[in-house]
Protein backbone atom coordinates (compact mmCIF):
# COMPACT_ATOMS: atom_id res chain seq x y z
CA MET A 1 -74.81 28.63 61.70
CA LYS A 2 -77.48 25.98 61.26
CA LEU A 3 -80.97 27.16 62.07
CA PRO A 4 -83.39 24.75 63.75
CA ASN A 5 -86.02 23.18 61.61
CA LYS A 6 -89.29 24.92 62.47
CA ASN A 7 -91.38 22.05 61.16
CA LYS A 8 -89.51 19.54 63.28
CA THR A 9 -89.83 21.74 66.37
CA SER A 10 -93.57 22.14 65.88
CA GLU A 11 -93.93 18.38 65.43
CA ASN A 12 -92.10 17.75 68.72
CA GLU A 13 -94.27 20.31 70.52
CA SER A 14 -97.43 18.73 69.12
CA LYS A 15 -96.27 15.32 70.33
CA ILE A 16 -95.60 16.68 73.81
CA TYR A 17 -98.97 18.41 74.04
CA SER A 18 -100.77 15.37 72.65
CA VAL A 19 -99.22 12.99 75.21
CA TYR A 20 -99.06 15.19 78.32
CA PRO A 21 -102.80 15.86 78.73
CA LYS A 22 -103.56 12.14 78.46
CA LYS A 23 -101.08 11.40 81.21
CA VAL A 24 -102.50 14.13 83.42
CA LYS A 25 -106.06 13.00 82.77
CA PHE A 26 -105.12 9.43 83.69
CA GLN A 27 -103.50 10.54 86.96
CA ILE A 28 -106.50 12.70 87.84
CA SER A 29 -108.83 9.81 87.07
CA ILE A 30 -106.85 7.47 89.33
CA ILE A 31 -106.83 10.01 92.19
CA PHE A 32 -110.54 10.67 91.75
CA ALA A 33 -111.29 6.94 91.77
CA ILE A 34 -109.26 6.43 94.98
CA VAL A 35 -110.97 9.36 96.72
CA LEU A 36 -114.39 8.12 95.60
CA PHE A 37 -113.60 4.60 96.83
CA TRP A 38 -112.54 5.82 100.28
CA TYR A 39 -115.60 8.07 100.44
CA PHE A 40 -118.06 5.23 99.93
CA TYR A 41 -115.99 2.88 102.07
CA SER A 42 -116.04 5.43 104.93
CA LEU A 43 -119.78 5.87 104.55
CA ARG A 44 -120.29 2.12 104.80
CA ALA A 45 -117.83 1.65 107.66
CA THR A 46 -119.35 4.46 109.75
CA ASP A 47 -122.98 3.57 108.91
CA ALA A 48 -123.55 7.16 107.79
CA ASP A 49 -126.94 7.46 106.12
CA PHE A 50 -127.62 10.82 104.50
CA LEU A 51 -131.03 9.64 103.37
CA GLU A 52 -131.98 9.27 107.02
CA LEU A 53 -130.74 12.80 107.62
CA PHE A 54 -132.94 14.18 104.86
CA GLY A 55 -135.83 12.17 106.26
CA ASP A 56 -135.44 13.91 109.63
CA LEU A 57 -135.26 17.44 108.25
CA ASP A 58 -138.70 18.16 109.69
CA VAL A 59 -137.29 17.52 113.18
CA VAL A 60 -134.33 19.82 112.48
CA PHE A 61 -136.57 22.62 111.22
CA GLY A 62 -138.84 22.09 114.21
CA LYS A 63 -135.92 22.70 116.59
CA LEU A 64 -134.91 25.80 114.64
CA ILE A 65 -138.44 27.18 114.80
CA GLU A 66 -138.41 26.72 118.59
CA MET A 67 -135.40 29.08 118.77
CA PHE A 68 -137.40 31.99 117.37
CA PRO A 69 -138.05 34.65 118.39
CA PRO A 70 -134.88 35.07 120.47
CA ASP A 71 -135.30 36.04 124.09
CA TRP A 72 -133.58 39.44 123.87
CA SER A 73 -133.99 40.03 127.60
CA TYR A 74 -131.41 37.30 128.26
CA ILE A 75 -128.63 39.18 126.42
CA GLU A 76 -127.90 41.24 129.53
CA SER A 77 -127.07 38.04 131.41
CA ALA A 78 -124.72 36.93 128.63
CA ILE A 79 -122.59 40.10 128.54
CA ASP A 80 -120.30 39.13 131.44
CA PRO A 81 -119.68 35.56 130.13
CA LEU A 82 -118.92 37.05 126.70
CA ILE A 83 -116.36 39.43 128.21
CA GLU A 84 -114.91 36.47 130.09
CA THR A 85 -114.62 34.55 126.82
CA ILE A 86 -112.72 37.41 125.18
CA GLN A 87 -110.45 37.72 128.22
CA ILE A 88 -109.64 34.00 128.05
CA ALA A 89 -108.75 34.37 124.36
CA VAL A 90 -106.59 37.45 124.97
CA VAL A 91 -104.58 35.90 127.83
CA ALA A 92 -104.16 32.54 126.09
CA SER A 93 -103.11 34.18 122.81
CA THR A 94 -100.59 36.40 124.62
CA PHE A 95 -99.01 33.46 126.43
CA ALA A 96 -98.88 31.42 123.22
CA ILE A 97 -97.29 34.27 121.25
CA LEU A 98 -94.58 34.81 123.87
CA ILE A 99 -93.75 31.11 124.28
CA CYS A 100 -93.83 30.35 120.56
CA ILE A 101 -90.99 32.78 119.78
CA PRO A 102 -88.16 30.69 121.30
CA MET A 103 -89.88 27.44 120.32
CA SER A 104 -90.21 28.44 116.67
CA LEU A 105 -86.58 29.59 116.55
CA LEU A 106 -85.41 26.27 117.99
CA SER A 107 -87.64 24.45 115.48
CA ALA A 108 -86.18 26.19 112.40
CA ASN A 109 -83.23 24.63 110.59
CA THR A 110 -82.05 28.05 109.41
CA ILE A 111 -81.26 28.97 113.03
CA VAL A 112 -80.50 25.66 114.75
CA LYS A 113 -77.86 23.50 113.09
CA ASN A 114 -77.86 20.80 115.78
CA LYS A 115 -80.14 18.06 114.45
CA PHE A 116 -80.93 16.66 117.90
CA ILE A 117 -82.17 20.01 119.25
CA TYR A 118 -84.02 20.75 116.03
CA GLN A 119 -85.80 17.39 115.91
CA THR A 120 -86.61 17.46 119.64
CA PHE A 121 -88.47 20.75 119.41
CA ARG A 122 -90.16 19.71 116.17
CA ASN A 123 -91.49 16.61 117.93
CA ILE A 124 -92.70 18.69 120.89
CA MET A 125 -94.46 21.02 118.49
CA ASN A 126 -96.08 18.09 116.67
CA LEU A 127 -97.20 16.60 119.97
CA LEU A 128 -98.91 19.85 120.98
CA ARG A 129 -100.77 20.00 117.66
CA THR A 130 -102.10 16.45 117.97
CA MET A 131 -104.06 17.20 121.16
CA PRO A 132 -107.45 18.84 120.46
CA ASP A 133 -108.52 21.80 122.55
CA ILE A 134 -111.56 20.02 124.01
CA LEU A 135 -109.34 17.19 125.31
CA LEU A 136 -106.90 19.66 126.84
CA ALA A 137 -109.76 21.52 128.51
CA THR A 138 -111.15 18.29 129.94
CA ILE A 139 -107.74 17.33 131.35
CA PHE A 140 -107.09 20.75 132.91
CA VAL A 141 -110.62 20.95 134.36
CA SER A 142 -110.05 17.59 136.06
CA LEU A 143 -106.73 18.88 137.44
CA PHE A 144 -107.62 22.44 138.48
CA GLY A 145 -111.41 22.41 138.71
CA VAL A 146 -114.09 24.36 136.86
CA GLY A 147 -113.25 27.95 135.93
CA ILE A 148 -111.30 30.28 133.67
CA PHE A 149 -107.82 28.97 134.47
CA PRO A 150 -108.25 25.56 132.78
CA GLY A 151 -109.61 27.30 129.70
CA ILE A 152 -106.60 29.60 129.50
CA LEU A 153 -104.19 26.67 129.83
CA ALA A 154 -106.04 24.61 127.22
CA LEU A 155 -106.10 27.42 124.64
CA THR A 156 -102.48 28.34 125.36
CA VAL A 157 -101.23 24.82 124.67
CA PHE A 158 -103.54 24.39 121.68
CA SER A 159 -102.63 27.67 119.98
CA LEU A 160 -98.93 27.32 120.88
CA GLY A 161 -98.52 24.25 118.69
CA LEU A 162 -100.29 25.91 115.76
CA LEU A 163 -98.52 29.25 116.05
CA ALA A 164 -95.06 27.72 116.52
CA LYS A 165 -95.61 25.52 113.46
CA LEU A 166 -96.59 28.47 111.26
CA LEU A 167 -93.79 30.72 112.49
CA SER A 168 -91.05 28.07 112.29
CA GLU A 169 -91.95 27.28 108.70
CA THR A 170 -91.85 31.00 107.89
CA ILE A 171 -88.39 31.28 109.46
CA GLU A 172 -87.18 28.33 107.39
CA THR A 173 -88.17 30.12 104.16
CA ILE A 174 -86.38 33.44 104.83
CA ASP A 175 -83.40 34.68 102.84
CA THR A 176 -80.39 33.13 104.59
CA ARG A 177 -77.94 35.43 102.81
CA GLN A 178 -78.80 38.18 105.28
CA LEU A 179 -78.03 35.85 108.17
CA GLU A 180 -74.69 34.88 106.67
CA ALA A 181 -73.80 38.52 106.07
CA ILE A 182 -74.41 39.35 109.75
CA ARG A 183 -72.41 36.31 110.88
CA SER A 184 -69.52 37.23 108.58
CA THR A 185 -69.24 40.65 110.23
CA GLY A 186 -68.93 39.04 113.67
CA GLY A 187 -72.55 39.20 114.74
CA ASN A 188 -73.69 36.87 117.51
CA ILE A 189 -76.86 34.76 117.50
CA ILE A 190 -78.94 37.53 119.11
CA GLN A 191 -77.88 40.02 116.44
CA VAL A 192 -78.54 37.48 113.70
CA ILE A 193 -82.08 36.95 114.99
CA TRP A 194 -82.82 40.63 115.66
CA TYR A 195 -81.41 42.09 112.44
CA GLY A 196 -81.73 39.12 110.09
CA VAL A 197 -84.80 37.13 111.13
CA VAL A 198 -87.17 39.59 112.78
CA PRO A 199 -87.49 42.06 109.85
CA GLN A 200 -88.32 39.19 107.47
CA VAL A 201 -90.89 37.37 109.62
CA LEU A 202 -92.50 40.22 111.59
CA PRO A 203 -95.41 40.86 109.16
CA SER A 204 -96.28 37.16 109.04
CA PHE A 205 -95.87 36.86 112.82
CA ILE A 206 -98.37 39.66 113.45
CA SER A 207 -100.81 38.13 111.00
CA TYR A 208 -100.49 34.70 112.62
CA GLY A 209 -100.97 36.18 116.10
CA LEU A 210 -104.20 37.92 115.09
CA TYR A 211 -105.43 34.76 113.41
CA VAL A 212 -104.77 32.70 116.54
CA PHE A 213 -106.62 35.26 118.66
CA GLU A 214 -109.69 35.02 116.40
CA LEU A 215 -109.43 31.24 116.56
CA ASN A 216 -109.23 31.27 120.36
CA VAL A 217 -112.37 33.41 120.65
CA ARG A 218 -114.30 30.74 118.76
CA ALA A 219 -112.59 27.86 120.54
CA SER A 220 -113.29 29.28 124.01
CA LEU A 221 -116.99 28.93 123.23
CA VAL A 222 -116.62 25.15 122.92
CA LEU A 223 -114.46 24.90 126.04
CA GLY A 224 -117.31 26.27 128.12
CA PHE A 225 -119.23 23.03 127.53
CA VAL A 226 -116.70 21.14 129.68
CA GLY A 227 -116.60 23.73 132.46
CA ALA A 228 -113.64 25.80 131.26
CA GLY A 229 -115.47 29.12 131.63
CA GLY A 230 -116.76 31.59 129.10
CA ILE A 231 -120.03 32.01 127.27
CA GLY A 232 -120.15 28.34 126.30
CA SER A 233 -121.07 27.40 129.87
CA ILE A 234 -124.33 29.36 129.81
CA ILE A 235 -125.19 28.00 126.35
CA ASP A 236 -124.71 24.49 127.69
CA THR A 237 -126.89 25.28 130.71
CA GLN A 238 -129.72 26.72 128.63
CA LEU A 239 -129.58 23.79 126.19
CA ASN A 240 -129.95 21.37 129.09
CA PHE A 241 -133.07 23.24 130.19
CA MET A 242 -134.29 23.41 126.55
CA GLN A 243 -134.39 27.21 126.64
CA TYR A 244 -133.78 27.48 122.91
CA GLN A 245 -134.91 31.10 122.59
CA LYS A 246 -132.29 32.17 125.14
CA VAL A 247 -129.67 30.14 123.27
CA MET A 248 -130.53 31.94 120.05
CA ALA A 249 -130.18 35.32 121.76
CA VAL A 250 -126.72 34.33 123.01
CA LEU A 251 -125.72 33.08 119.54
CA VAL A 252 -126.78 36.39 117.97
CA LEU A 253 -124.73 38.28 120.57
CA LEU A 254 -121.76 36.03 119.91
CA LEU A 255 -122.10 36.51 116.15
CA VAL A 256 -122.03 40.29 116.53
CA ALA A 257 -118.97 40.06 118.80
CA VAL A 258 -117.11 37.80 116.36
CA ILE A 259 -117.86 40.13 113.43
CA ILE A 260 -116.60 43.16 115.40
CA ILE A 261 -113.43 41.33 116.48
CA GLU A 262 -112.72 40.11 112.95
CA THR A 263 -113.29 43.59 111.50
CA LEU A 264 -110.92 45.21 114.00
CA SER A 265 -108.38 42.43 113.42
CA ASN A 266 -108.49 42.94 109.65
CA MET A 267 -108.07 46.70 110.06
CA LEU A 268 -105.06 46.19 112.31
CA ARG A 269 -103.61 43.58 109.98
CA ARG A 270 -103.84 45.94 106.99
CA ARG A 271 -102.07 48.69 108.92
CA VAL A 272 -99.14 46.69 110.25
CA VAL A 273 -98.67 43.91 107.67
């Protein structure tokens, strides 16, 4: 048996390692140059002037100073809108989680073999993700008036596209051998989903649902600026009246609420995932 020449092997390895880094460095340099070009081009095209921003820092700091000390007496008035914000997020997240289950199954090629059905639901999912939440809230407010209901609809549609996208991609990466084993024993589509898909995607599904809920709590704040209810509406009102100290008090309350929600969400995620 002829043994390989160690010297020749080491020479080949040295050639590979001497050429490969140069190629990688060249590719990185090209990518960096393209990104840098588009960065400066975008700055020029949008007339963005960071020097002007730094020149107005005194104005920014002046506005921040006006927000202190916070008007703690206003927190009592912000409790009910904060609860309303959380309620909007809970209802919207629940609706999105329930609706995304069939949509994500119909958008996964491991479950749906019909290309027309698969592509149709993928396009619907992509369409939902292209519409920002603030635009959806504006549309629903114009249709149903100011209040909580437009906010719930806007967050439901917004989070549905995101959640269905995440879950469908998770379903497409599962082990299909379990599905084939259930089908080979005569299992129907419901049994395939319940015994083959659910056990594999349930931890990720719970994690995605909690993430969407946290996202909706933050998003509902913005929706209040267009009349979709929640704590954002009182922030918008106080900003219009230049009551910056009251705004700061509301922001502190909101920060505490977000930290508590995220802590509880992480605890729940560690227990069930």
